[in-house]
Amino acid sequence: MSDFVSVVISAYNRPDLLRRSLESLWDNTSYPYELIVHDDGSRGVTVSYLQAVLQQGKISSLILNPLDHNRGLGISVNRAVDISEGKYIVKVNGDDRFEPGWLTKAVEVMQIYPEIGLLHLASYNYSGIHNKRFPDDYWEPGEDRTTLYREIRDGLPVRVVWCGPGDGLMFTRKTWKRVGPWRSNYDPSFGADVHWRMDCCPMMRRPLLRPPDPAAAVEPHQLRGHWEKY
């Protein structure tokens, strides 16, 4: 198993956003990586673009579903991870943008904090999403209710959150083998896969009472008092 990173991107139509995302990735990634793109049944323009950049050597592996044969994001990610080879796995979407040095810094965090189960890479307005998902839950401006604790190690700070939203994730292959793939019947994004995420994170325990639907979101008050530092 090599120390390079396997970057997995799921694509479905939206060729302009996908092109912007991939160009941002190529321009701002210096750490050794392989790029695996799974297209989930896009129309011809997106497929033609992906086949062209594959021929140019800009994509390591390309998985194509038949036209309009959309299997869902969970299956797409699972298939891409199954053929990946890196020590670290990064799951991002085809509309993400990347800042210079993003992957080098992410690997540094994982090396300094080896107990981290999932490293969130995407940047969102957590308070706005929180209000939409929990409209009856009061949100006081400036109050950070998703943070469990903060830590600085070797000068590098991290913030441990309760499994908040975000598509951009990084984890080790060891974690993937231990936890297993995403279920195919729900979207591994924005907290819909909260139980999978909690399985990945050894510093958190499951709520004592799980909802009947394993794909249902878990509210913050269910997690308070049911976590422990690694």
Protein backbone atom coordinates (compact mmCIF):
# COMPACT_ATOMS: atom_id res chain seq x y z
CA MET A 1 0.00 0.00 0.00
CA SER A 2 1.57 3.26 -1.12
CA ASP A 3 1.58 6.54 0.80
CA PHE A 4 -0.01 8.37 -2.12
CA VAL A 5 -3.65 9.48 -1.96
CA SER A 6 -6.60 8.13 -3.91
CA VAL A 7 -8.90 11.02 -4.85
CA VAL A 8 -12.40 9.82 -5.76
CA ILE A 9 -14.79 12.13 -7.61
CA SER A 10 -18.38 11.24 -8.48
CA ALA A 11 -19.81 12.94 -11.56
CA TYR A 12 -23.31 13.21 -12.97
CA ASN A 13 -23.92 15.70 -15.80
CA ARG A 14 -23.11 19.39 -15.02
CA PRO A 15 -20.03 19.33 -17.32
CA ASP A 16 -19.12 22.99 -16.73
CA LEU A 17 -18.94 22.54 -12.96
CA LEU A 18 -17.04 19.27 -13.38
CA ARG A 19 -14.50 20.91 -15.71
CA ARG A 20 -14.00 23.78 -13.23
CA SER A 21 -13.57 21.34 -10.37
CA LEU A 22 -11.04 19.13 -12.14
CA GLU A 23 -9.00 22.08 -13.40
CA SER A 24 -8.92 23.44 -9.85
CA LEU A 25 -7.72 20.04 -8.63
CA TRP A 26 -4.98 19.75 -11.25
CA ASP A 27 -3.76 23.30 -10.69
CA ASN A 28 -3.60 23.12 -6.89
CA THR A 29 -2.50 19.57 -6.05
CA SER A 30 1.19 18.80 -5.62
CA TYR A 31 1.09 15.80 -3.26
CA PRO A 32 1.27 12.41 -5.09
CA TYR A 33 -2.21 11.13 -5.89
CA GLU A 34 -4.28 9.03 -8.24
CA LEU A 35 -7.56 10.43 -9.56
CA ILE A 36 -10.53 8.10 -9.99
CA VAL A 37 -13.70 9.49 -11.54
CA HIS A 38 -16.99 7.60 -11.49
CA ASP A 39 -19.64 8.90 -13.87
CA ASP A 40 -23.12 7.78 -12.91
CA GLY A 41 -24.84 7.69 -16.31
CA SER A 42 -24.27 11.25 -17.58
CA ARG A 43 -25.26 12.54 -20.99
CA GLY A 44 -22.78 12.63 -23.87
CA VAL A 45 -21.06 15.97 -23.21
CA THR A 46 -19.84 14.98 -19.77
CA VAL A 47 -18.75 11.51 -20.92
CA SER A 48 -16.89 12.91 -23.94
CA TYR A 49 -15.02 15.38 -21.73
CA LEU A 50 -14.02 12.67 -19.25
CA GLN A 51 -12.85 10.34 -21.99
CA ALA A 52 -10.75 13.15 -23.47
CA VAL A 53 -8.96 13.99 -20.20
CA LEU A 54 -8.46 10.27 -19.59
CA GLN A 55 -6.65 10.02 -22.93
CA GLN A 56 -4.52 12.99 -21.88
CA GLY A 57 -3.42 11.12 -18.77
CA LYS A 58 -5.09 13.54 -16.36
CA ILE A 59 -7.33 10.85 -14.85
CA SER A 60 -5.92 7.59 -13.49
CA SER A 61 -9.13 5.56 -13.80
CA LEU A 62 -12.58 6.29 -15.24
CA ILE A 63 -15.70 4.28 -14.42
CA LEU A 64 -18.68 4.85 -16.71
CA ASN A 65 -22.26 3.74 -16.17
CA PRO A 66 -24.50 3.33 -19.24
CA LEU A 67 -26.33 6.45 -20.40
CA ASP A 68 -29.06 7.50 -17.92
CA HIS A 69 -28.30 4.47 -15.74
CA ASN A 70 -27.92 6.30 -12.43
CA ARG A 71 -27.19 4.00 -9.50
CA GLY A 72 -26.75 6.66 -6.83
CA LEU A 73 -23.85 8.32 -5.11
CA GLY A 74 -23.31 5.59 -2.52
CA ILE A 75 -22.72 2.87 -5.12
CA SER A 76 -20.58 5.22 -7.21
CA VAL A 77 -18.23 5.98 -4.32
CA ASN A 78 -18.02 2.32 -3.31
CA ARG A 79 -17.05 1.20 -6.82
CA ALA A 80 -14.38 3.87 -7.11
CA VAL A 81 -12.87 3.14 -3.70
CA ASP A 82 -12.81 -0.58 -4.48
CA ILE A 83 -10.30 -0.04 -7.32
CA SER A 84 -8.23 2.61 -5.53
CA GLU A 85 -4.78 1.86 -4.13
CA GLY A 86 -3.70 4.81 -1.96
CA LYS A 87 -3.05 4.76 1.77
CA TYR A 88 -5.44 7.69 2.15
CA ILE A 89 -8.80 8.09 0.39
CA VAL A 90 -10.41 11.43 -0.42
CA LYS A 91 -14.06 11.61 -1.47
CA VAL A 92 -15.13 14.84 -3.15
CA ASN A 93 -17.86 15.89 -5.56
CA GLY A 94 -17.67 17.16 -9.10
CA ASP A 95 -18.49 20.74 -8.11
CA ASP A 96 -15.81 21.27 -5.43
CA ARG A 97 -13.00 23.80 -5.69
CA PHE A 98 -9.52 23.23 -4.33
CA GLU A 99 -7.05 25.65 -2.74
CA PRO A 100 -3.27 25.50 -3.31
CA GLY A 101 -1.60 22.86 -1.17
CA TRP A 102 -4.92 21.44 0.09
CA LEU A 103 -3.89 17.80 -0.15
CA THR A 104 -0.43 18.28 1.36
CA LYS A 105 -2.01 19.92 4.39
CA ALA A 106 -4.69 17.24 4.67
CA VAL A 107 -2.08 14.46 4.72
CA GLU A 108 -0.12 16.40 7.35
CA VAL A 109 -3.19 16.56 9.58
CA MET A 110 -3.81 12.82 9.20
CA GLN A 111 -0.18 12.06 10.06
CA ILE A 112 -0.10 14.29 13.14
CA TYR A 113 -3.55 13.11 14.29
CA PRO A 114 -3.56 9.41 13.28
CA GLU A 115 -6.62 8.71 15.44
CA ILE A 116 -8.84 10.91 13.27
CA GLY A 117 -11.52 8.79 11.62
CA LEU A 118 -12.78 11.36 9.13
CA LEU A 119 -11.18 14.63 8.10
CA HIS A 120 -13.66 17.16 6.70
CA LEU A 121 -12.16 19.01 3.75
CA ALA A 122 -15.08 21.10 2.54
CA SER A 123 -15.97 24.53 3.88
CA TYR A 124 -19.63 25.31 4.50
CA ASN A 125 -21.74 27.72 6.46
CA TYR A 126 -22.60 25.19 9.15
CA SER A 127 -25.05 27.47 10.94
CA GLY A 128 -27.18 27.96 7.84
CA ILE A 129 -27.34 24.26 7.09
CA HIS A 130 -28.06 23.53 10.74
CA ASN A 131 -31.07 25.84 10.68
CA LYS A 132 -32.45 24.18 7.56
CA ARG A 133 -32.06 20.68 8.94
CA PHE A 134 -33.33 21.53 12.42
CA PRO A 135 -35.75 24.46 11.93
CA ASP A 136 -37.15 24.17 15.47
CA ASP A 137 -33.75 24.17 17.14
CA TYR A 138 -32.77 27.63 18.37
CA TRP A 139 -29.49 28.95 17.00
CA GLU A 140 -27.78 31.75 18.85
CA PRO A 141 -25.54 33.85 16.56
CA GLY A 142 -21.88 33.21 17.24
CA GLU A 143 -22.50 30.05 19.25
CA ASP A 144 -20.57 27.04 17.98
CA ARG A 145 -22.78 24.09 18.87
CA THR A 146 -21.15 21.50 16.60
CA THR A 147 -17.73 21.51 18.30
CA LEU A 148 -16.96 18.77 20.82
CA TYR A 149 -13.42 19.94 21.56
CA ARG A 150 -10.38 21.61 20.01
CA GLU A 151 -6.77 20.53 20.14
CA ILE A 152 -3.37 21.82 18.98
CA ARG A 153 -0.65 19.25 18.33
CA ASP A 154 2.76 20.14 16.87
CA GLY A 155 1.36 23.58 16.14
CA LEU A 156 -1.46 22.21 13.99
CA PRO A 157 -4.99 22.88 15.32
CA VAL A 158 -8.02 20.65 14.72
CA ARG A 159 -11.67 20.97 15.68
CA VAL A 160 -13.63 17.82 16.48
CA VAL A 161 -17.29 18.21 15.49
CA TRP A 162 -20.36 16.07 16.13
CA CYS A 163 -20.46 14.65 12.58
CA GLY A 164 -21.56 17.81 10.84
CA PRO A 165 -22.36 18.23 7.14
CA GLY A 166 -19.86 18.27 4.33
CA ASP A 167 -19.12 16.26 1.20
CA GLY A 168 -15.33 16.52 1.20
CA LEU A 169 -13.96 13.68 3.36
CA MET A 170 -10.56 12.08 3.89
CA PHE A 171 -9.97 8.78 5.66
CA THR A 172 -7.43 5.95 5.71
CA ARG A 173 -7.78 2.66 3.87
CA LYS A 174 -7.55 0.98 7.25
CA THR A 175 -10.71 2.84 8.32
CA TRP A 176 -12.49 1.87 5.10
CA LYS A 177 -11.68 -1.81 5.61
CA ARG A 178 -12.84 -1.68 9.22
CA VAL A 179 -16.12 0.21 8.66
CA GLY A 180 -17.07 -1.03 5.21
CA PRO A 181 -18.85 0.68 2.30
CA TRP A 182 -21.73 3.12 2.29
CA ARG A 183 -25.22 1.74 1.95
CA SER A 184 -26.51 2.11 -1.57
CA ASN A 185 -29.90 3.54 -0.58
CA TYR A 186 -28.79 6.90 0.78
CA ASP A 187 -26.62 9.80 -0.15
CA PRO A 188 -23.26 9.94 1.72
CA SER A 189 -23.40 13.69 2.16
CA PHE A 190 -24.75 16.39 4.50
CA GLY A 191 -25.22 14.05 7.44
CA ALA A 192 -27.42 11.45 5.73
CA ASP A 193 -24.68 8.90 6.44
CA VAL A 194 -24.25 9.98 10.05
CA HIS A 195 -24.06 6.43 11.43
CA TRP A 196 -21.34 5.48 8.95
CA ARG A 197 -19.40 8.57 9.96
CA MET A 198 -19.71 7.74 13.63
CA ASP A 199 -18.42 4.24 12.96
CA CYS A 200 -15.33 5.85 11.44
CA CYS A 201 -14.62 8.06 14.45
CA PRO A 202 -13.29 6.27 17.55
CA MET A 203 -13.70 9.41 19.68
CA MET A 204 -17.49 9.24 19.41
CA ARG A 205 -20.04 6.70 20.60
CA ARG A 206 -23.40 5.96 19.04
CA PRO A 207 -26.49 7.47 20.66
CA LEU A 208 -28.10 4.97 23.01
CA LEU A 209 -31.37 5.11 21.09
CA ARG A 210 -30.95 4.82 17.33
CA PRO A 211 -33.78 5.98 15.05
CA PRO A 212 -35.78 3.22 13.32
CA ASP A 213 -34.52 4.34 9.92
CA PRO A 214 -30.71 3.80 9.79
CA ALA A 215 -30.44 6.59 7.24
CA ALA A 216 -32.27 9.11 9.42
CA ALA A 217 -30.37 12.13 10.68
CA VAL A 218 -29.33 12.24 14.32
CA GLU A 219 -29.99 15.53 16.09
CA PRO A 220 -27.23 17.22 18.12
CA HIS A 221 -28.97 16.76 21.47
CA GLN A 222 -28.83 12.98 20.91
CA LEU A 223 -25.04 13.15 20.65
CA ARG A 224 -24.37 15.42 23.61
CA GLY A 225 -23.25 13.25 26.49
CA HIS A 226 -22.57 10.27 24.22
CA TRP A 227 -19.05 11.01 23.01
CA GLU A 228 -15.62 10.44 24.42
CA LYS A 229 -12.17 11.72 23.56
CA TYR A 230 -10.01 9.08 21.90
